[in-house]
């Protein structure tokens, strides 16, 4: 087996370190993408519920989820007002139309963040694919006698 010179060893170590770092970043981006996709899905469902409730009459019986596939029956007091989160565990009452406008803007922001994260992941994966052949060439040289 041929021994690698110092420059080749350093280059191989640099490439392997960079690949390892990129792999960790890619895993974090995959988790981030999953969270963004889940948030986007929840937000889309919320928008659909608000649109549906807007079309109902006050006093309509509805099922309100309590968790664990359990529900309680309730009557709609109004279909014109919705309580939406502002962040930091603070919520405010808004008209249904205002809530839709705000939530649509949030959805747009989430979609943009999701697209940016996908692009970043794509670039990272391209960089990793470009580094692998370099490492493989150096390793092949080390295997030769």
C-alpha atoms as a PDB file:
ATOM      1  CA  UNK A   1       0.000   0.000   0.000  1.00  0.00           C
ATOM      2  CA  UNK A   2       1.404   3.354  -1.009  1.00  0.00           C
ATOM      3  CA  UNK A   3       1.757   5.891   1.717  1.00  0.00           C
ATOM      4  CA  UNK A   4       0.085   9.277   1.260  1.00  0.00           C
ATOM      5  CA  UNK A   5       2.296  12.331   1.457  1.00  0.00           C
ATOM      6  CA  UNK A   6       1.574  15.020   4.050  1.00  0.00           C
ATOM      7  CA  UNK A   7      -0.334  17.225   1.605  1.00  0.00           C
ATOM      8  CA  UNK A   8      -2.567  14.348   0.554  1.00  0.00           C
ATOM      9  CA  UNK A   9      -3.219  13.354   4.162  1.00  0.00           C
ATOM     10  CA  UNK A  10      -4.116  16.923   5.079  1.00  0.00           C
ATOM     11  CA  UNK A  11      -6.365  17.241   2.023  1.00  0.00           C
ATOM     12  CA  UNK A  12      -8.105  13.962   2.878  1.00  0.00           C
ATOM     13  CA  UNK A  13      -8.610  15.039   6.486  1.00  0.00           C
ATOM     14  CA  UNK A  14      -9.964  18.408   5.348  1.00  0.00           C
ATOM     15  CA  UNK A  15     -12.382  16.779   2.908  1.00  0.00           C
ATOM     16  CA  UNK A  16     -13.574  14.203   5.443  1.00  0.00           C
ATOM     17  CA  UNK A  17     -14.027  16.932   8.073  1.00  0.00           C
ATOM     18  CA  UNK A  18     -15.972  19.055   5.612  1.00  0.00           C
ATOM     19  CA  UNK A  19     -18.146  16.096   4.612  1.00  0.00           C
ATOM     20  CA  UNK A  20     -18.871  15.333   8.253  1.00  0.00           C
ATOM     21  CA  UNK A  21     -19.783  18.948   8.945  1.00  0.00           C
ATOM     22  CA  UNK A  22     -22.009  19.106   5.868  1.00  0.00           C
ATOM     23  CA  UNK A  23     -23.712  15.854   6.876  1.00  0.00           C
ATOM     24  CA  UNK A  24     -24.543  17.286  10.305  1.00  0.00           C
ATOM     25  CA  UNK A  25     -25.880  20.463   8.706  1.00  0.00           C
ATOM     26  CA  UNK A  26     -27.938  18.418   6.234  1.00  0.00           C
ATOM     27  CA  UNK A  27     -29.509  16.419   9.073  1.00  0.00           C
ATOM     28  CA  UNK A  28     -30.411  19.650  10.890  1.00  0.00           C
ATOM     29  CA  UNK A  29     -31.912  21.043   7.661  1.00  0.00           C
ATOM     30  CA  UNK A  30     -33.990  17.879   7.201  1.00  0.00           C
ATOM     31  CA  UNK A  31     -35.398  18.344  10.715  1.00  0.00           C
ATOM     32  CA  UNK A  32     -36.044  22.023  10.009  1.00  0.00           C
ATOM     33  CA  UNK A  33     -37.833  21.109   6.774  1.00  0.00           C
ATOM     34  CA  UNK A  34     -40.015  18.626   8.644  1.00  0.00           C
ATOM     35  CA  UNK A  35     -41.004  21.257  11.205  1.00  0.00           C
ATOM     36  CA  UNK A  36     -41.736  23.833   8.511  1.00  0.00           C
ATOM     37  CA  UNK A  37     -43.834  21.338   6.538  1.00  0.00           C
ATOM     38  CA  UNK A  38     -45.805  20.389   9.665  1.00  0.00           C
ATOM     39  CA  UNK A  39     -46.414  24.064  10.495  1.00  0.00           C
ATOM     40  CA  UNK A  40     -47.492  24.765   6.934  1.00  0.00           C
ATOM     41  CA  UNK A  41     -49.891  21.822   6.998  1.00  0.00           C
ATOM     42  CA  UNK A  42     -51.418  22.965  10.298  1.00  0.00           C
ATOM     43  CA  UNK A  43     -51.742  26.516   9.052  1.00  0.00           C
ATOM     44  CA  UNK A  44     -53.449  25.364   5.848  1.00  0.00           C
ATOM     45  CA  UNK A  45     -55.954  23.349   7.889  1.00  0.00           C
ATOM     46  CA  UNK A  46     -56.605  26.362  10.116  1.00  0.00           C
ATOM     47  CA  UNK A  47     -57.315  28.537   7.098  1.00  0.00           C
ATOM     48  CA  UNK A  48     -59.780  25.977   5.766  1.00  0.00           C
ATOM     49  CA  UNK A  49     -61.551  25.746   9.138  1.00  0.00           C
ATOM     50  CA  UNK A  50     -61.916  29.533   9.350  1.00  0.00           C
ATOM     51  CA  UNK A  51     -63.341  29.626   5.817  1.00  0.00           C
ATOM     52  CA  UNK A  52     -65.779  26.829   6.690  1.00  0.00           C
ATOM     53  CA  UNK A  53     -66.863  28.406   9.987  1.00  0.00           C
ATOM     54  CA  UNK A  54     -67.436  31.747   8.227  1.00  0.00           C
ATOM     55  CA  UNK A  55     -70.106  30.041   6.163  1.00  0.00           C
ATOM     56  CA  UNK A  56     -71.977  28.714   9.208  1.00  0.00           C
ATOM     57  CA  UNK A  57     -74.687  30.438  11.206  1.00  0.00           C
ATOM     58  CA  UNK A  58     -74.241  31.407  14.864  1.00  0.00           C
ATOM     59  CA  UNK A  59     -75.751  28.714  17.090  1.00  0.00           C
ATOM     60  CA  UNK A  60     -74.593  25.878  14.831  1.00  0.00           C
ATOM     61  CA  UNK A  61     -73.478  22.786  16.762  1.00  0.00           C
ATOM     62  CA  UNK A  62     -69.815  21.937  16.181  1.00  0.00           C
ATOM     63  CA  UNK A  63     -67.350  19.419  17.561  1.00  0.00           C
ATOM     64  CA  UNK A  64     -64.319  20.947  19.268  1.00  0.00           C
ATOM     65  CA  UNK A  65     -61.240  18.706  19.513  1.00  0.00           C
ATOM     66  CA  UNK A  66     -59.845  18.211  23.013  1.00  0.00           C
ATOM     67  CA  UNK A  67     -56.972  15.907  22.008  1.00  0.00           C
ATOM     68  CA  UNK A  68     -56.528  12.113  21.904  1.00  0.00           C
ATOM     69  CA  UNK A  69     -59.344  11.856  19.345  1.00  0.00           C
ATOM     70  CA  UNK A  70     -61.818  13.262  21.868  1.00  0.00           C
ATOM     71  CA  UNK A  71     -64.314  16.044  21.184  1.00  0.00           C
ATOM     72  CA  UNK A  72     -66.849  18.186  22.979  1.00  0.00           C
ATOM     73  CA  UNK A  73     -70.012  19.536  21.401  1.00  0.00           C
ATOM     74  CA  UNK A  74     -70.307  23.332  21.335  1.00  0.00           C
ATOM     75  CA  UNK A  75     -72.492  25.982  19.736  1.00  0.00           C
ATOM     76  CA  UNK A  76     -70.928  28.738  17.683  1.00  0.00           C
ATOM     77  CA  UNK A  77     -71.505  32.056  19.414  1.00  0.00           C
ATOM     78  CA  UNK A  78     -70.263  33.998  16.408  1.00  0.00           C
ATOM     79  CA  UNK A  79     -68.727  33.276  13.035  1.00  0.00           C
ATOM     80  CA  UNK A  80     -67.400  36.801  12.612  1.00  0.00           C
ATOM     81  CA  UNK A  81     -64.599  36.699  15.196  1.00  0.00           C
ATOM     82  CA  UNK A  82     -61.565  34.445  15.559  1.00  0.00           C
ATOM     83  CA  UNK A  83     -58.872  34.394  18.244  1.00  0.00           C
ATOM     84  CA  UNK A  84     -55.411  34.062  16.702  1.00  0.00           C
ATOM     85  CA  UNK A  85     -51.999  33.811  18.275  1.00  0.00           C
ATOM     86  CA  UNK A  86     -49.676  36.787  18.086  1.00  0.00           C
ATOM     87  CA  UNK A  87     -46.645  34.940  19.471  1.00  0.00           C
ATOM     88  CA  UNK A  88     -45.137  34.552  22.946  1.00  0.00           C
ATOM     89  CA  UNK A  89     -48.383  32.931  24.173  1.00  0.00           C
ATOM     90  CA  UNK A  90     -50.372  36.089  23.394  1.00  0.00           C
ATOM     91  CA  UNK A  91     -53.585  35.955  21.350  1.00  0.00           C
ATOM     92  CA  UNK A  92     -55.998  38.536  20.023  1.00  0.00           C
ATOM     93  CA  UNK A  93     -59.529  38.542  18.721  1.00  0.00           C
ATOM     94  CA  UNK A  94     -59.824  39.497  15.061  1.00  0.00           C
ATOM     95  CA  UNK A  95     -62.504  39.478  12.455  1.00  0.00           C
ATOM     96  CA  UNK A  96     -62.570  36.313  10.372  1.00  0.00           C
ATOM     97  CA  UNK A  97     -61.382  38.323   7.360  1.00  0.00           C
ATOM     98  CA  UNK A  98     -58.452  39.843   9.275  1.00  0.00           C
ATOM     99  CA  UNK A  99     -57.514  36.417  10.617  1.00  0.00           C
ATOM    100  CA  UNK A 100     -57.520  34.993   7.098  1.00  0.00           C
ATOM    101  CA  UNK A 101     -55.339  37.847   5.861  1.00  0.00           C
ATOM    102  CA  UNK A 102     -52.818  37.435   8.696  1.00  0.00           C
ATOM    103  CA  UNK A 103     -52.718  33.649   8.404  1.00  0.00           C
ATOM    104  CA  UNK A 104     -52.335  33.797   4.608  1.00  0.00           C
ATOM    105  CA  UNK A 105     -49.326  36.082   5.117  1.00  0.00           C
ATOM    106  CA  UNK A 106     -47.878  33.587   7.617  1.00  0.00           C
ATOM    107  CA  UNK A 107     -48.441  30.786   5.131  1.00  0.00           C
ATOM    108  CA  UNK A 108     -46.576  32.750   2.461  1.00  0.00           C
ATOM    109  CA  UNK A 109     -43.678  33.319   4.874  1.00  0.00           C
ATOM    110  CA  UNK A 110     -43.595  29.622   5.763  1.00  0.00           C
ATOM    111  CA  UNK A 111     -43.643  28.606   2.099  1.00  0.00           C
ATOM    112  CA  UNK A 112     -40.740  30.962   1.404  1.00  0.00           C
ATOM    113  CA  UNK A 113     -38.786  29.621   4.385  1.00  0.00           C
ATOM    114  CA  UNK A 114     -39.457  26.071   3.216  1.00  0.00           C
ATOM    115  CA  UNK A 115     -38.218  26.901  -0.293  1.00  0.00           C
ATOM    116  CA  UNK A 116     -35.080  28.590   1.069  1.00  0.00           C
ATOM    117  CA  UNK A 117     -34.320  25.593   3.275  1.00  0.00           C
ATOM    118  CA  UNK A 118     -34.814  23.219   0.330  1.00  0.00           C
ATOM    119  CA  UNK A 119     -32.466  25.311  -1.815  1.00  0.00           C
ATOM    120  CA  UNK A 120     -29.866  25.392   0.948  1.00  0.00           C
ATOM    121  CA  UNK A 121     -30.119  21.629   1.373  1.00  0.00           C
ATOM    122  CA  UNK A 122     -29.772  21.141  -2.382  1.00  0.00           C
ATOM    123  CA  UNK A 123     -26.613  23.260  -2.503  1.00  0.00           C
ATOM    124  CA  UNK A 124     -25.202  21.414   0.480  1.00  0.00           C
ATOM    125  CA  UNK A 125     -25.888  18.030  -1.116  1.00  0.00           C
ATOM    126  CA  UNK A 126     -24.252  19.213  -4.357  1.00  0.00           C
ATOM    127  CA  UNK A 127     -21.161  20.261  -2.414  1.00  0.00           C
ATOM    128  CA  UNK A 128     -21.043  16.896  -0.664  1.00  0.00           C
ATOM    129  CA  UNK A 129     -21.355  15.078  -4.000  1.00  0.00           C
ATOM    130  CA  UNK A 130     -18.475  17.170  -5.386  1.00  0.00           C
ATOM    131  CA  UNK A 131     -16.236  16.331  -2.402  1.00  0.00           C
ATOM    132  CA  UNK A 132     -16.794  12.562  -2.396  1.00  0.00           C
ATOM    133  CA  UNK A 133     -14.894  11.823  -5.643  1.00  0.00           C
ATOM    134  CA  UNK A 134     -11.898  13.815  -4.365  1.00  0.00           C
ATOM    135  CA  UNK A 135     -11.786  11.742  -1.192  1.00  0.00           C
ATOM    136  CA  UNK A 136     -12.272   8.523  -3.162  1.00  0.00           C
ATOM    137  CA  UNK A 137      -9.325   9.362  -5.464  1.00  0.00           C
ATOM    138  CA  UNK A 138      -7.019   9.931  -2.519  1.00  0.00           C
ATOM    139  CA  UNK A 139      -8.201   6.729  -0.849  1.00  0.00           C
ATOM    140  CA  UNK A 140      -7.710   4.756  -4.074  1.00  0.00           C
ATOM    141  CA  UNK A 141      -4.152   6.064  -4.296  1.00  0.00           C
ATOM    142  CA  UNK A 142      -3.527   4.898  -0.727  1.00  0.00           C
ATOM    143  CA  UNK A 143      -4.770   1.385  -1.612  1.00  0.00           C
ATOM    144  CA  UNK A 144      -2.410   0.995  -4.581  1.00  0.00           C
ATOM    145  CA  UNK A 145       0.908  -0.696  -4.042  1.00  0.00           C
END
